[in-house]
PDB file of N, CA and C in Angstrom:
ATOM      1  N   MET A   1     -29.840  39.385 -79.502  1.00  0.00           N
ATOM      2  CA  MET A   1     -30.224  38.241 -79.873  1.00  0.00           C
ATOM      3  C   MET A   1     -30.111  37.809 -81.188  1.00  0.00           C
ATOM      4  N   LEU A   2     -31.077  38.710 -81.500  1.00  0.00           N
ATOM      5  CA  LEU A   2     -31.473  37.922 -83.275  1.00  0.00           C
ATOM      6  C   LEU A   2     -30.279  38.255 -84.331  1.00  0.00           C
ATOM      7  N   LEU A   3     -29.280  39.215 -83.855  1.00  0.00           N
ATOM      8  CA  LEU A   3     -27.744  39.175 -84.826  1.00  0.00           C
ATOM      9  C   LEU A   3     -27.690  37.836 -85.189  1.00  0.00           C
ATOM     10  N   HIS A   4     -27.050  37.226 -83.463  1.00  0.00           N
ATOM     11  CA  HIS A   4     -26.418  35.591 -83.554  1.00  0.00           C
ATOM     12  C   HIS A   4     -27.305  35.002 -84.268  1.00  0.00           C
ATOM     13  N   CYS A   5     -28.435  35.028 -84.709  1.00  0.00           N
ATOM     14  CA  CYS A   5     -29.332  33.966 -85.821  1.00  0.00           C
ATOM     15  C   CYS A   5     -29.156  34.732 -87.367  1.00  0.00           C
ATOM     16  N   LEU A   6     -28.035  35.654 -87.733  1.00  0.00           N
ATOM     17  CA  LEU A   6     -27.904  35.971 -88.685  1.00  0.00           C
ATOM     18  C   LEU A   6     -26.655  35.084 -89.673  1.00  0.00           C
ATOM     19  N   PRO A   7     -26.700  34.016 -90.184  1.00  0.00           N
ATOM     20  CA  PRO A   7     -25.704  33.280 -90.563  1.00  0.00           C
ATOM     21  C   PRO A   7     -25.603  33.388 -91.944  1.00  0.00           C
ATOM     22  N   PHE A   8     -27.133  33.501 -92.245  1.00  0.00           N
ATOM     23  CA  PHE A   8     -27.194  33.217 -93.833  1.00  0.00           C
ATOM     24  C   PHE A   8     -26.893  34.423 -95.180  1.00  0.00           C
ATOM     25  N   PRO A   9     -26.792  33.845 -95.885  1.00  0.00           N
ATOM     26  CA  PRO A   9     -25.784  34.950 -96.946  1.00  0.00           C
ATOM     27  C   PRO A   9     -26.722  35.910 -97.647  1.00  0.00           C
ATOM     28  N   ALA A  10     -26.173  36.886 -97.335  1.00  0.00           N
ATOM     29  CA  ALA A  10     -27.053  38.605 -97.463  1.00  0.00           C
ATOM     30  C   ALA A  10     -27.366  38.633 -98.694  1.00  0.00           C
ATOM     31  N   GLN A  11     -27.296  37.831 -99.774  1.00  0.00           N
ATOM     32  CA  GLN A  11     -28.275  37.583-101.016  1.00  0.00           C
ATOM     33  C   GLN A  11     -29.231  36.769-101.028  1.00  0.00           C
ATOM     34  N   LEU A  12     -29.644  36.314-100.144  1.00  0.00           N
ATOM     35  CA  LEU A  12     -30.630  35.381-100.202  1.00  0.00           C
ATOM     36  C   LEU A  12     -31.813  36.197 -99.104  1.00  0.00           C
ATOM     37  N   VAL A  13     -31.569  37.162 -98.346  1.00  0.00           N
ATOM     38  CA  VAL A  13     -32.596  38.061 -97.926  1.00  0.00           C
ATOM     39  C   VAL A  13     -32.544  39.596 -98.501  1.00  0.00           C
ATOM     40  N   LYS A  14     -34.159  39.456 -99.247  1.00  0.00           N
ATOM     41  CA  LYS A  14     -34.436  41.019-100.153  1.00  0.00           C
ATOM     42  C   LYS A  14     -34.861  42.040 -98.751  1.00  0.00           C
ATOM     43  N   THR A  15     -35.616  41.216 -98.306  1.00  0.00           N
ATOM     44  CA  THR A  15     -36.866  42.066 -97.480  1.00  0.00           C
ATOM     45  C   THR A  15     -36.956  41.727 -96.193  1.00  0.00           C
ATOM     46  N   ILE A  16     -37.305  42.345 -95.125  1.00  0.00           N
ATOM     47  CA  ILE A  16     -37.714  41.768 -93.773  1.00  0.00           C
ATOM     48  C   ILE A  16     -39.388  42.793 -93.695  1.00  0.00           C
ATOM     49  N   THR A  17     -40.205  41.814 -93.124  1.00  0.00           N
ATOM     50  CA  THR A  17     -41.135  42.752 -92.871  1.00  0.00           C
ATOM     51  C   THR A  17     -41.684  42.154 -91.333  1.00  0.00           C
ATOM     52  N   ARG A  18     -41.451  43.072 -90.305  1.00  0.00           N
ATOM     53  CA  ARG A  18     -41.638  43.061 -88.908  1.00  0.00           C
ATOM     54  C   ARG A  18     -42.817  43.775 -88.194  1.00  0.00           C
ATOM     55  N   ASP A  19     -42.889  43.451 -87.092  1.00  0.00           N
ATOM     56  CA  ASP A  19     -44.309  43.705 -86.343  1.00  0.00           C
ATOM     57  C   ASP A  19     -43.474  44.445 -85.522  1.00  0.00           C
ATOM     58  N   ARG A  20     -43.864  45.346 -84.397  1.00  0.00           N
ATOM     59  CA  ARG A  20     -43.557  45.970 -83.016  1.00  0.00           C
ATOM     60  C   ARG A  20     -42.517  44.911 -82.154  1.00  0.00           C
ATOM     61  N   GLY A  21     -42.567  43.688 -82.639  1.00  0.00           N
ATOM     62  CA  GLY A  21     -42.161  43.002 -81.280  1.00  0.00           C
ATOM     63  C   GLY A  21     -40.237  43.596 -80.902  1.00  0.00           C
ATOM     64  N   THR A  22     -40.097  43.262 -79.247  1.00  0.00           N
ATOM     65  CA  THR A  22     -38.865  43.755 -79.232  1.00  0.00           C
ATOM     66  C   THR A  22     -37.735  42.765 -79.763  1.00  0.00           C
ATOM     67  N   GLU A  23     -38.006  41.366 -80.617  1.00  0.00           N
ATOM     68  CA  GLU A  23     -37.124  40.643 -81.336  1.00  0.00           C
ATOM     69  C   GLU A  23     -36.378  41.535 -82.521  1.00  0.00           C
ATOM     70  N   PHE A  24     -36.605  42.366 -83.260  1.00  0.00           N
ATOM     71  CA  PHE A  24     -36.428  43.302 -83.650  1.00  0.00           C
ATOM     72  C   PHE A  24     -36.033  44.795 -83.456  1.00  0.00           C
ATOM     73  N   ALA A  25     -35.768  44.913 -82.060  1.00  0.00           N
ATOM     74  CA  ALA A  25     -35.137  46.024 -81.567  1.00  0.00           C
ATOM     75  C   ALA A  25     -33.898  46.669 -82.040  1.00  0.00           C
ATOM     76  N   SER A  26     -33.121  45.640 -82.800  1.00  0.00           N
ATOM     77  CA  SER A  26     -31.936  46.861 -83.387  1.00  0.00           C
ATOM     78  C   SER A  26     -31.948  46.395 -85.153  1.00  0.00           C
ATOM     79  N   TRP A  27     -32.819  46.704 -85.951  1.00  0.00           N
ATOM     80  CA  TRP A  27     -33.396  46.461 -86.930  1.00  0.00           C
ATOM     81  C   TRP A  27     -32.362  47.487 -87.659  1.00  0.00           C
ATOM     82  N   LEU A  28     -31.826  48.634 -87.798  1.00  0.00           N
ATOM     83  CA  LEU A  28     -30.477  48.796 -87.797  1.00  0.00           C
ATOM     84  C   LEU A  28     -29.765  48.395 -88.309  1.00  0.00           C
ATOM     85  N   GLN A  29     -29.255  47.621 -87.297  1.00  0.00           N
ATOM     86  CA  GLN A  29     -27.933  46.781 -87.609  1.00  0.00           C
ATOM     87  C   GLN A  29     -28.299  45.364 -88.423  1.00  0.00           C
ATOM     88  N   ILE A  30     -29.832  45.204 -88.261  1.00  0.00           N
ATOM     89  CA  ILE A  30     -29.871  44.390 -89.272  1.00  0.00           C
ATOM     90  C   ILE A  30     -29.765  44.132 -90.451  1.00  0.00           C
ATOM     91  N   GLU A  31     -30.552  45.513 -90.824  1.00  0.00           N
ATOM     92  CA  GLU A  31     -29.994  46.084 -92.175  1.00  0.00           C
ATOM     93  C   GLU A  31     -29.316  46.016 -93.022  1.00  0.00           C
ATOM     94  N   GLU A  32     -28.154  46.948 -91.917  1.00  0.00           N
ATOM     95  CA  GLU A  32     -26.712  47.046 -92.395  1.00  0.00           C
ATOM     96  C   GLU A  32     -25.882  45.359 -92.820  1.00  0.00           C
ATOM     97  N   ARG A  33     -26.410  44.512 -91.635  1.00  0.00           N
ATOM     98  CA  ARG A  33     -25.776  43.143 -91.754  1.00  0.00           C
ATOM     99  C   ARG A  33     -26.231  42.534 -93.119  1.00  0.00           C
ATOM    100  N   LEU A  34     -27.486  42.510 -93.308  1.00  0.00           N
ATOM    101  CA  LEU A  34     -27.715  41.322 -94.522  1.00  0.00           C
ATOM    102  C   LEU A  34     -28.044  42.167 -95.587  1.00  0.00           C
ATOM    103  N   HIS A  35     -27.711  43.843 -95.556  1.00  0.00           N
ATOM    104  CA  HIS A  35     -27.867  44.706 -97.053  1.00  0.00           C
ATOM    105  C   HIS A  35     -29.250  44.736 -97.338  1.00  0.00           C
ATOM    106  N   CYS A  36     -30.328  44.844 -96.702  1.00  0.00           N
ATOM    107  CA  CYS A  36     -31.633  44.565 -97.082  1.00  0.00           C
ATOM    108  C   CYS A  36     -32.198  45.542 -95.949  1.00  0.00           C
ATOM    109  N   GLU A  37     -34.047  45.971 -96.960  1.00  0.00           N
ATOM    110  CA  GLU A  37     -34.573  46.882 -96.178  1.00  0.00           C
ATOM    111  C   GLU A  37     -35.538  46.554 -95.261  1.00  0.00           C
ATOM    112  N   VAL A  38     -35.787  46.613 -94.382  1.00  0.00           N
ATOM    113  CA  VAL A  38     -36.678  46.221 -93.093  1.00  0.00           C
ATOM    114  C   VAL A  38     -38.134  47.391 -93.170  1.00  0.00           C
ATOM    115  N   TYR A  39     -39.058  46.595 -93.235  1.00  0.00           N
ATOM    116  CA  TYR A  39     -40.372  47.161 -93.072  1.00  0.00           C
ATOM    117  C   TYR A  39     -40.976  46.973 -92.071  1.00  0.00           C
ATOM    118  N   PHE A  40     -41.908  48.053 -91.773  1.00  0.00           N
ATOM    119  CA  PHE A  40     -42.658  47.531 -90.332  1.00  0.00           C
ATOM    120  C   PHE A  40     -44.563  47.367 -90.588  1.00  0.00           C
ATOM    121  N   ALA A  41     -45.075  46.478 -90.257  1.00  0.00           N
ATOM    122  CA  ALA A  41     -46.216  46.285 -90.139  1.00  0.00           C
ATOM    123  C   ALA A  41     -46.814  47.503 -89.207  1.00  0.00           C
ATOM    124  N   ASP A  42     -48.296  47.892 -89.558  1.00  0.00           N
ATOM    125  CA  ASP A  42     -48.589  48.398 -88.826  1.00  0.00           C
ATOM    126  C   ASP A  42     -49.496  48.051 -87.408  1.00  0.00           C
ATOM    127  N   PRO A  43     -49.036  48.336 -86.282  1.00  0.00           N
ATOM    128  CA  PRO A  43     -50.003  47.556 -84.906  1.00  0.00           C
ATOM    129  C   PRO A  43     -51.241  47.267 -85.665  1.00  0.00           C
ATOM    130  N   TYR A  44     -51.602  46.197 -84.995  1.00  0.00           N
ATOM    131  CA  TYR A  44     -52.852  45.461 -84.808  1.00  0.00           C
ATOM    132  C   TYR A  44     -53.338  44.819 -86.645  1.00  0.00           C
ATOM    133  N   CYS A  45     -52.404  44.964 -87.513  1.00  0.00           N
ATOM    134  CA  CYS A  45     -52.753  44.614 -89.036  1.00  0.00           C
ATOM    135  C   CYS A  45     -51.819  43.459 -89.240  1.00  0.00           C
ATOM    136  N   ALA A  46     -52.171  42.615 -88.424  1.00  0.00           N
ATOM    137  CA  ALA A  46     -51.360  41.100 -88.944  1.00  0.00           C
ATOM    138  C   ALA A  46     -51.545  41.002 -90.294  1.00  0.00           C
ATOM    139  N   TRP A  47     -52.562  40.901 -91.314  1.00  0.00           N
ATOM    140  CA  TRP A  47     -52.799  40.925 -92.759  1.00  0.00           C
ATOM    141  C   TRP A  47     -51.463  41.353 -93.550  1.00  0.00           C
ATOM    142  N   GLN A  48     -51.351  42.523 -92.534  1.00  0.00           N
ATOM    143  CA  GLN A  48     -49.943  42.847 -93.518  1.00  0.00           C
ATOM    144  C   GLN A  48     -48.726  41.998 -93.780  1.00  0.00           C
ATOM    145  N   LYS A  49     -48.982  40.873 -92.810  1.00  0.00           N
ATOM    146  CA  LYS A  49     -47.766  40.101 -92.972  1.00  0.00           C
ATOM    147  C   LYS A  49     -48.329  38.328 -93.329  1.00  0.00           C
ATOM    148  N   GLY A  50     -49.464  38.339 -93.373  1.00  0.00           N
ATOM    149  CA  GLY A  50     -50.030  37.106 -94.176  1.00  0.00           C
ATOM    150  C   GLY A  50     -49.441  36.366 -94.562  1.00  0.00           C
ATOM    151  N   ALA A  51     -48.309  36.412 -95.812  1.00  0.00           N
ATOM    152  CA  ALA A  51     -47.377  35.084 -96.697  1.00  0.00           C
ATOM    153  C   ALA A  51     -46.583  34.851 -95.730  1.00  0.00           C
ATOM    154  N   ILE A  52     -45.987  35.601 -94.800  1.00  0.00           N
ATOM    155  CA  ILE A  52     -44.784  35.368 -93.866  1.00  0.00           C
ATOM    156  C   ILE A  52     -45.442  34.606 -92.776  1.00  0.00           C
ATOM    157  N   GLU A  53     -46.468  35.139 -92.334  1.00  0.00           N
ATOM    158  CA  GLU A  53     -47.233  34.246 -91.382  1.00  0.00           C
ATOM    159  C   GLU A  53     -47.284  32.466 -92.217  1.00  0.00           C
ATOM    160  N   ASN A  54     -47.867  32.582 -92.609  1.00  0.00           N
ATOM    161  CA  ASN A  54     -48.317  31.045 -93.485  1.00  0.00           C
ATOM    162  C   ASN A  54     -47.100  30.560 -93.983  1.00  0.00           C
ATOM    163  N   LEU A  55     -46.169  31.180 -94.261  1.00  0.00           N
ATOM    164  CA  LEU A  55     -44.729  30.334 -94.684  1.00  0.00           C
ATOM    165  C   LEU A  55     -44.369  29.419 -93.084  1.00  0.00           C
ATOM    166  N   ASN A  56     -44.332  31.020 -92.377  1.00  0.00           N
ATOM    167  CA  ASN A  56     -43.961  30.202 -90.850  1.00  0.00           C
ATOM    168  C   ASN A  56     -44.853  29.426 -90.083  1.00  0.00           C
ATOM    169  N   GLY A  57     -45.876  29.305 -90.354  1.00  0.00           N
ATOM    170  CA  GLY A  57     -46.232  27.668 -90.142  1.00  0.00           C
ATOM    171  C   GLY A  57     -46.254  26.473 -90.986  1.00  0.00           C
ATOM    172  N   LEU A  58     -46.038  27.041 -92.347  1.00  0.00           N
ATOM    173  CA  LEU A  58     -45.509  25.643 -93.092  1.00  0.00           C
ATOM    174  C   LEU A  58     -43.895  25.186 -92.436  1.00  0.00           C
ATOM    175  N   LEU A  59     -42.858  26.262 -92.075  1.00  0.00           N
ATOM    176  CA  LEU A  59     -41.723  25.860 -91.503  1.00  0.00           C
ATOM    177  C   LEU A  59     -41.824  24.884 -90.502  1.00  0.00           C
ATOM    178  N   ARG A  60     -43.127  25.201 -89.418  1.00  0.00           N
ATOM    179  CA  ARG A  60     -42.569  24.525 -88.250  1.00  0.00           C
ATOM    180  C   ARG A  60     -43.042  23.302 -88.134  1.00  0.00           C
ATOM    181  N   GLU A  61     -43.949  22.400 -89.356  1.00  0.00           N
ATOM    182  CA  GLU A  61     -43.896  21.626 -89.612  1.00  0.00           C
ATOM    183  C   GLU A  61     -42.241  20.651 -89.781  1.00  0.00           C
ATOM    184  N   PHE A  62     -41.483  21.570 -90.083  1.00  0.00           N
ATOM    185  CA  PHE A  62     -39.909  20.792 -90.180  1.00  0.00           C
ATOM    186  C   PHE A  62     -39.252  21.087 -89.193  1.00  0.00           C
ATOM    187  N   TYR A  63     -39.256  22.425 -88.994  1.00  0.00           N
ATOM    188  CA  TYR A  63     -38.803  22.992 -87.971  1.00  0.00           C
ATOM    189  C   TYR A  63     -39.219  23.605 -86.423  1.00  0.00           C
ATOM    190  N   PRO A  64     -39.263  22.843 -85.468  1.00  0.00           N
ATOM    191  CA  PRO A  64     -40.459  23.312 -84.165  1.00  0.00           C
ATOM    192  C   PRO A  64     -39.724  24.427 -83.800  1.00  0.00           C
ATOM    193  N   GLN A  65     -40.313  25.388 -82.883  1.00  0.00           N
ATOM    194  CA  GLN A  65     -40.456  26.626 -82.496  1.00  0.00           C
ATOM    195  C   GLN A  65     -39.448  26.656 -81.422  1.00  0.00           C
ATOM    196  N   GLY A  66     -38.670  27.136 -81.422  1.00  0.00           N
ATOM    197  CA  GLY A  66     -37.088  27.331 -80.409  1.00  0.00           C
ATOM    198  C   GLY A  66     -36.466  26.538 -81.210  1.00  0.00           C
ATOM    199  N   ARG A  67     -36.072  25.489 -81.766  1.00  0.00           N
ATOM    200  CA  ARG A  67     -35.181  24.854 -82.549  1.00  0.00           C
ATOM    201  C   ARG A  67     -34.243  26.013 -83.058  1.00  0.00           C
ATOM    202  N   ASN A  68     -33.199  25.448 -82.897  1.00  0.00           N
ATOM    203  CA  ASN A  68     -31.850  26.530 -83.225  1.00  0.00           C
ATOM    204  C   ASN A  68     -31.221  26.056 -84.554  1.00  0.00           C
ATOM    205  N   LEU A  69     -31.950  26.789 -85.281  1.00  0.00           N
ATOM    206  CA  LEU A  69     -31.108  26.260 -87.292  1.00  0.00           C
ATOM    207  C   LEU A  69     -29.993  26.748 -87.424  1.00  0.00           C
ATOM    208  N   SER A  70     -28.992  27.257 -86.877  1.00  0.00           N
ATOM    209  CA  SER A  70     -27.946  27.245 -86.908  1.00  0.00           C
ATOM    210  C   SER A  70     -27.208  25.979 -86.707  1.00  0.00           C
ATOM    211  N   CYS A  71     -27.336  25.338 -85.715  1.00  0.00           N
ATOM    212  CA  CYS A  71     -26.916  24.208 -85.788  1.00  0.00           C
ATOM    213  C   CYS A  71     -27.270  22.694 -86.680  1.00  0.00           C
ATOM    214  N   ALA A  72     -28.409  23.042 -87.620  1.00  0.00           N
ATOM    215  CA  ALA A  72     -28.678  22.056 -88.415  1.00  0.00           C
ATOM    216  C   ALA A  72     -27.636  22.408 -89.634  1.00  0.00           C
ATOM    217  N   ALA A  73     -27.443  21.281 -90.452  1.00  0.00           N
ATOM    218  CA  ALA A  73     -26.935  20.682 -91.177  1.00  0.00           C
ATOM    219  C   ALA A  73     -27.457  21.256 -92.581  1.00  0.00           C
ATOM    220  N   THR A  74     -26.827  21.498 -93.432  1.00  0.00           N
ATOM    221  CA  THR A  74     -27.144  22.782 -94.758  1.00  0.00           C
ATOM    222  C   THR A  74     -27.912  21.933 -95.498  1.00  0.00           C
ATOM    223  N   ALA A  75     -27.702  20.748 -95.664  1.00  0.00           N
ATOM    224  CA  ALA A  75     -28.316  19.661 -96.216  1.00  0.00           C
ATOM    225  C   ALA A  75     -29.885  19.283 -95.806  1.00  0.00           C
ATOM    226  N   THR A  76     -29.045  18.679 -94.259  1.00  0.00           N
ATOM    227  CA  THR A  76     -31.088  19.138 -94.320  1.00  0.00           C
ATOM    228  C   THR A  76     -32.075  20.203 -94.180  1.00  0.00           C
ATOM    229  N   LEU A  77     -31.551  21.523 -94.104  1.00  0.00           N
ATOM    230  CA  LEU A  77     -32.433  22.574 -94.599  1.00  0.00           C
ATOM    231  C   LEU A  77     -32.831  22.937 -95.986  1.00  0.00           C
ATOM    232  N   LYS A  78     -31.476  22.423 -97.025  1.00  0.00           N
ATOM    233  CA  LYS A  78     -32.274  22.803 -98.126  1.00  0.00           C
ATOM    234  C   LYS A  78     -33.294  21.196 -98.019  1.00  0.00           C
ATOM    235  N   ARG A  79     -32.929  20.119 -97.859  1.00  0.00           N
ATOM    236  CA  ARG A  79     -34.022  19.027 -97.583  1.00  0.00           C
ATOM    237  C   ARG A  79     -35.634  19.659 -97.525  1.00  0.00           C
ATOM    238  N   GLY A  80     -35.552  20.085 -96.371  1.00  0.00           N
ATOM    239  CA  GLY A  80     -36.561  21.136 -96.157  1.00  0.00           C
ATOM    240  C   GLY A  80     -37.314  21.624 -96.748  1.00  0.00           C
ATOM    241  N   LEU A  81     -36.360  23.224 -97.633  1.00  0.00           N
ATOM    242  CA  LEU A  81     -37.029  24.060 -98.324  1.00  0.00           C
ATOM    243  C   LEU A  81     -37.113  23.288 -99.485  1.00  0.00           C
ATOM    244  N   ALA A  82     -36.761  22.080-100.208  1.00  0.00           N
ATOM    245  CA  ALA A  82     -37.283  21.934-101.354  1.00  0.00           C
ATOM    246  C   ALA A  82     -38.145  21.017-101.539  1.00  0.00           C
ATOM    247  N   LEU A  83     -38.474  20.325-100.341  1.00  0.00           N
ATOM    248  CA  LEU A  83     -39.988  19.601 -99.538  1.00  0.00           C
ATOM    249  C   LEU A  83     -41.414  20.735 -99.839  1.00  0.00           C
ATOM    250  N   LEU A  84     -40.776  22.011 -99.471  1.00  0.00           N
ATOM    251  CA  LEU A  84     -41.106  23.134 -99.090  1.00  0.00           C
ATOM    252  C   LEU A  84     -42.200  23.551-100.525  1.00  0.00           C
ATOM    253  N   ASN A  85     -41.039  24.217-101.215  1.00  0.00           N
ATOM    254  CA  ASN A  85     -40.938  24.781-102.443  1.00  0.00           C
ATOM    255  C   ASN A  85     -41.836  23.599-103.610  1.00  0.00           C
ATOM    256  N   ALA A  86     -41.708  21.988-102.989  1.00  0.00           N
ATOM    257  CA  ALA A  86     -42.494  21.469-103.953  1.00  0.00           C
ATOM    258  C   ALA A  86     -43.794  21.101-103.746  1.00  0.00           C
ATOM    259  N   ARG A  87     -44.645  22.261-102.707  1.00  0.00           N
ATOM    260  CA  ARG A  87     -45.663  21.306-102.135  1.00  0.00           C
ATOM    261  C   ARG A  87     -46.652  22.546-103.135  1.00  0.00           C
ATOM    262  N   PRO A  88     -48.162  22.052-103.204  1.00  0.00           N
ATOM    263  CA  PRO A  88     -48.733  22.759-104.111  1.00  0.00           C
ATOM    264  C   PRO A  88     -49.647  23.954-103.461  1.00  0.00           C
ATOM    265  N   ARG A  89     -50.056  24.862-103.522  1.00  0.00           N
ATOM    266  CA  ARG A  89     -50.506  25.760-102.739  1.00  0.00           C
ATOM    267  C   ARG A  89     -51.754  26.165-102.863  1.00  0.00           C
ATOM    268  N   LYS A  90     -52.676  26.281-101.848  1.00  0.00           N
ATOM    269  CA  LYS A  90     -53.911  26.783-102.489  1.00  0.00           C
ATOM    270  C   LYS A  90     -53.870  28.002-103.222  1.00  0.00           C
ATOM    271  N   VAL A  91     -52.992  29.176-102.988  1.00  0.00           N
ATOM    272  CA  VAL A  91     -53.350  30.449-103.613  1.00  0.00           C
ATOM    273  C   VAL A  91     -53.042  30.250-105.536  1.00  0.00           C
ATOM    274  N   LEU A  92     -52.415  29.070-105.407  1.00  0.00           N
ATOM    275  CA  LEU A  92     -52.163  28.403-106.833  1.00  0.00           C
ATOM    276  C   LEU A  92     -53.269  27.728-107.075  1.00  0.00           C
ATOM    277  N   ASN A  93     -54.085  27.693-106.404  1.00  0.00           N
ATOM    278  CA  ASN A  93     -55.965  26.621-106.846  1.00  0.00           C
ATOM    279  C   ASN A  93     -54.345  25.182-106.806  1.00  0.00           C
ATOM    280  N   PHE A  94     -53.853  24.766-105.862  1.00  0.00           N
ATOM    281  CA  PHE A  94     -52.999  23.941-105.703  1.00  0.00           C
ATOM    282  C   PHE A  94     -53.129  23.431-106.526  1.00  0.00           C
ATOM    283  N   HIS A  95     -51.790  23.956-107.376  1.00  0.00           N
ATOM    284  CA  HIS A  95     -50.800  23.861-107.970  1.00  0.00           C
ATOM    285  C   HIS A  95     -49.732  23.850-107.631  1.00  0.00           C
ATOM    286  N   TYR A  96     -48.441  23.564-108.157  1.00  0.00           N
ATOM    287  CA  TYR A  96     -47.347  23.508-107.849  1.00  0.00           C
ATOM    288  C   TYR A  96     -46.625  25.276-108.327  1.00  0.00           C
ATOM    289  N   ALA A  97     -45.823  25.771-107.824  1.00  0.00           N
ATOM    290  CA  ALA A  97     -45.149  26.744-108.164  1.00  0.00           C
ATOM    291  C   ALA A  97     -44.438  27.160-109.331  1.00  0.00           C
ATOM    292  N   GLN A  98     -43.568  25.729-109.497  1.00  0.00           N
ATOM    293  CA  GLN A  98     -43.015  25.488-110.616  1.00  0.00           C
ATOM    294  C   GLN A  98     -43.599  25.185-111.871  1.00  0.00           C
ATOM    295  N   ASP A  99     -45.096  24.801-111.818  1.00  0.00           N
ATOM    296  CA  ASP A  99     -45.963  24.827-113.023  1.00  0.00           C
ATOM    297  C   ASP A  99     -46.288  25.633-114.020  1.00  0.00           C
TER     298      ASP A  99
END
């Protein structure tokens, strides 16, 4: 199922850190298709995926869970990403990444 959601250009994906869920059962195919490394978080160690879990929360503000992003217009996705990238970040003492 997840392989059908991978219309992204391979050069945009460098690594994937996953948990033990079944959605990544075909992780070898994902590595091959995207030409990236897939890493596994240890069981019960959600902190190993902290940055991506935080980003997932931010993305949900723009794209609710369950929304099919493959149907979204490229301009819409780029606009949402630009807004996310232009946010001040707590980890940067509420400065912008561009600063």
